[in-house]
Amino acid sequence: MNKAFIFDLDGVLIDDERIWEEEKSKLYSRIFGQEVTDRLGSTLGLNMDAIYEKAVTCGAQVDKKTRGLLQCRIRHLPHRSDTREAR
Protein backbone atom coordinates (compact mmCIF):
# COMPACT_ATOMS: atom_id res chain seq x y z
CA MET A 1 0.00 0.00 0.00
CA ASN A 2 1.36 3.39 -0.99
CA LYS A 3 1.19 6.16 1.56
CA ALA A 4 1.63 9.88 1.07
CA PHE A 5 1.56 13.05 3.11
CA ILE A 6 0.54 16.30 1.44
CA PHE A 7 1.76 19.67 2.64
CA ASP A 8 -0.51 22.54 1.63
CA LEU A 9 1.82 25.47 2.29
CA ASP A 10 0.27 27.83 -0.22
CA GLY A 11 -3.40 27.39 0.65
CA VAL A 12 -4.46 25.73 -2.59
CA LEU A 13 -6.14 22.73 -0.96
CA ILE A 14 -7.31 24.37 2.26
CA ASP A 15 -7.96 28.10 2.44
CA ASP A 16 -6.91 28.85 6.01
CA GLU A 17 -5.85 32.46 5.43
CA ARG A 18 -9.11 33.91 6.77
CA ILE A 19 -8.89 31.82 9.93
CA TRP A 20 -5.26 32.85 10.46
CA GLU A 21 -6.10 36.54 9.93
CA GLU A 22 -8.83 36.36 12.60
CA GLU A 23 -6.56 34.62 15.11
CA LYS A 24 -3.63 36.90 14.33
CA SER A 25 -5.82 39.94 14.97
CA LYS A 26 -6.84 38.51 18.36
CA LEU A 27 -3.21 37.85 19.24
CA TYR A 28 -2.10 41.36 18.24
CA SER A 29 -4.97 42.88 20.19
CA ARG A 30 -4.00 40.92 23.30
CA ILE A 31 -0.34 41.94 23.01
CA PHE A 32 -0.54 45.49 21.65
CA GLY A 33 -4.09 46.58 22.49
CA GLN A 34 -6.97 47.13 20.09
CA GLU A 35 -6.08 50.72 19.18
CA VAL A 36 -2.57 49.78 18.01
CA THR A 37 -3.91 46.66 16.27
CA ASP A 38 -6.36 48.81 14.31
CA ARG A 39 -3.49 51.07 13.18
CA LEU A 40 -1.08 48.21 12.47
CA GLY A 41 -2.47 47.35 9.05
CA SER A 42 -1.13 44.44 7.05
CA THR A 43 1.72 42.39 8.46
CA LEU A 44 1.85 40.03 5.50
CA GLY A 45 5.42 38.95 4.82
CA LEU A 46 6.83 40.48 8.01
CA ASN A 47 8.76 38.47 10.56
CA MET A 48 7.99 38.85 14.26
CA ASP A 49 10.72 41.44 14.86
CA ALA A 50 9.39 43.60 12.02
CA ILE A 51 5.84 43.28 13.37
CA TYR A 52 7.05 44.38 16.79
CA GLU A 53 8.88 47.38 15.31
CA LYS A 54 5.81 48.34 13.26
CA ALA A 55 3.62 48.09 16.37
CA VAL A 56 6.00 50.34 18.30
CA THR A 57 5.79 52.96 15.53
CA CYS A 58 1.99 52.71 15.89
CA GLY A 59 2.24 53.50 19.60
CA ALA A 60 2.65 50.11 21.24
CA GLN A 61 4.53 50.09 24.53
CA VAL A 62 5.70 46.52 24.93
CA ASP A 63 8.23 45.22 27.43
CA LYS A 64 10.74 42.44 26.69
CA LYS A 65 8.60 39.77 28.34
CA THR A 66 5.59 40.68 26.22
CA ARG A 67 7.77 40.88 23.13
CA GLY A 68 8.72 37.27 23.83
CA LEU A 69 5.07 36.33 23.31
CA LEU A 70 5.52 37.33 19.68
CA GLN A 71 8.19 34.67 19.32
CA CYS A 72 6.00 31.79 20.48
CA ARG A 73 3.78 29.91 18.08
CA ILE A 74 0.04 29.65 18.27
CA ARG A 75 -0.46 25.98 19.05
CA HIS A 76 -4.15 25.68 18.53
CA LEU A 77 -6.39 27.43 16.06
CA PRO A 78 -10.13 26.81 16.13
CA HIS A 79 -11.14 24.30 13.49
CA ARG A 80 -14.05 24.67 11.14
CA SER A 81 -15.63 21.68 9.46
CA ASP A 82 -14.55 22.84 5.99
CA THR A 83 -10.90 23.18 7.00
CA ARG A 84 -10.42 19.85 8.70
CA GLU A 85 -8.17 17.31 7.10
CA ALA A 86 -10.06 14.75 5.04
CA ARG A 87 -9.83 11.30 6.57
Foldseek 3Di string as FASTA:
>chain_A
DDDDDDDDPPCPQHPCVVQVVVVVLVLCCVLFNNQLSVVLPDCPPPQLVVSVVSSVVSPGDGDPVSSVVSVDDDPDGDDDPRRDDDD
